[in-house]
Amino acid sequence: MIVLLRLVLMIAVGLTVIAVCLWFWYRAGERDRLEAEWERTRPPLPQHRYVQNGLDDYKPRLMRRLIWGVYVAPLSLLALLVWTFN
């Protein structure tokens, strides 16, 4: 039982590192996209405010995608594999 707990803890730490790296990567990509969009359209807002508003709107979608893609899907697959082979 202790071995299983240690395994789950190590997997959770690893997935958290992956989630944080993906958070920064996707956020940087969205920032670049918003800056390019601001250059193309030139809205009345200053660039920093336009980008910040866009990132604030993007944050909930990114969190949902990361939770499902990094935690739920791999852990569900792992549980399915364990259940299947046992």
Protein backbone atom coordinates (compact mmCIF):
# COMPACT_ATOMS: atom_id res chain seq x y z
CA MET A 1 0.00 0.00 0.00
CA ILE A 2 2.84 2.38 0.83
CA VAL A 3 4.47 1.56 -2.51
CA LEU A 4 1.27 2.47 -4.35
CA LEU A 5 1.03 5.75 -2.44
CA ARG A 6 4.64 6.62 -3.31
CA LEU A 7 4.00 5.78 -6.98
CA VAL A 8 0.90 7.98 -7.10
CA LEU A 9 2.78 10.81 -5.41
CA MET A 10 5.66 10.57 -7.89
CA ILE A 11 3.25 10.50 -10.83
CA ALA A 12 1.40 13.54 -9.45
CA VAL A 13 4.66 15.47 -9.07
CA GLY A 14 5.71 14.57 -12.60
CA LEU A 15 2.35 15.56 -14.07
CA THR A 16 2.44 18.84 -12.15
CA VAL A 17 5.85 19.68 -13.63
CA ILE A 18 4.50 18.90 -17.10
CA ALA A 19 1.39 21.03 -16.46
CA VAL A 20 3.45 24.03 -15.32
CA CYS A 21 5.73 23.79 -18.36
CA LEU A 22 2.74 23.56 -20.69
CA TRP A 23 1.10 26.49 -18.89
CA PHE A 24 4.04 28.77 -19.66
CA TRP A 25 4.39 27.46 -23.21
CA TYR A 26 0.73 27.92 -24.18
CA ARG A 27 0.53 31.27 -22.42
CA ALA A 28 3.59 32.55 -24.33
CA GLY A 29 2.07 31.37 -27.59
CA GLU A 30 -1.20 33.13 -26.82
CA ARG A 31 0.68 36.30 -25.87
CA ASP A 32 2.51 36.23 -29.22
CA ARG A 33 -0.76 35.66 -31.06
CA LEU A 34 -2.45 38.56 -29.25
CA GLU A 35 0.47 40.90 -29.92
CA ALA A 36 0.38 40.03 -33.62
CA GLU A 37 -3.38 40.53 -33.68
CA TRP A 38 -3.00 43.93 -32.01
CA GLU A 39 -0.43 44.93 -34.65
CA ARG A 40 -2.81 43.89 -37.43
CA THR A 41 -6.01 45.50 -36.11
CA ARG A 42 -4.71 48.44 -34.00
CA PRO A 43 -7.67 48.62 -31.57
CA PRO A 44 -8.10 51.74 -29.40
CA LEU A 45 -6.63 49.98 -26.32
CA PRO A 46 -2.90 50.17 -25.57
CA GLN A 47 -1.07 46.99 -26.50
CA HIS A 48 -0.31 45.86 -22.95
CA ARG A 49 -3.96 46.25 -21.89
CA TYR A 50 -5.22 44.44 -25.01
CA VAL A 51 -2.84 41.53 -24.42
CA GLN A 52 -3.66 41.35 -20.70
CA ASN A 53 -7.41 41.30 -21.40
CA GLY A 54 -6.90 38.53 -23.93
CA LEU A 55 -4.78 36.49 -21.51
CA ASP A 56 -7.39 36.95 -18.78
CA ASP A 57 -10.04 35.58 -21.14
CA TYR A 58 -7.76 32.69 -22.17
CA LYS A 59 -6.86 31.57 -18.64
CA PRO A 60 -10.02 29.55 -17.79
CA ARG A 61 -9.93 27.70 -21.12
CA LEU A 62 -6.25 26.90 -20.66
CA MET A 63 -6.80 25.61 -17.14
CA ARG A 64 -9.61 23.30 -18.28
CA ARG A 65 -7.54 21.95 -21.15
CA LEU A 66 -4.50 21.37 -18.95
CA ILE A 67 -6.45 19.62 -16.21
CA TRP A 68 -8.16 17.30 -18.68
CA GLY A 69 -5.11 16.74 -20.86
CA VAL A 70 -2.43 16.40 -18.20
CA TYR A 71 -4.22 14.90 -15.21
CA VAL A 72 -7.54 13.29 -16.12
CA ALA A 73 -6.69 11.57 -19.41
CA PRO A 74 -3.34 9.97 -18.39
CA LEU A 75 -4.59 8.91 -14.96
CA SER A 76 -7.76 7.45 -16.47
CA LEU A 77 -5.69 5.54 -19.00
CA LEU A 78 -3.42 4.28 -16.24
CA ALA A 79 -6.41 3.17 -14.16
CA LEU A 80 -7.89 1.42 -17.19
CA LEU A 81 -4.62 -0.39 -17.86
CA VAL A 82 -4.28 -1.48 -14.23
CA TRP A 83 -7.87 -2.68 -14.17
CA THR A 84 -7.48 -4.52 -17.48
CA PHE A 85 -4.29 -6.35 -16.60
CA ASN A 86 -5.38 -7.27 -13.10
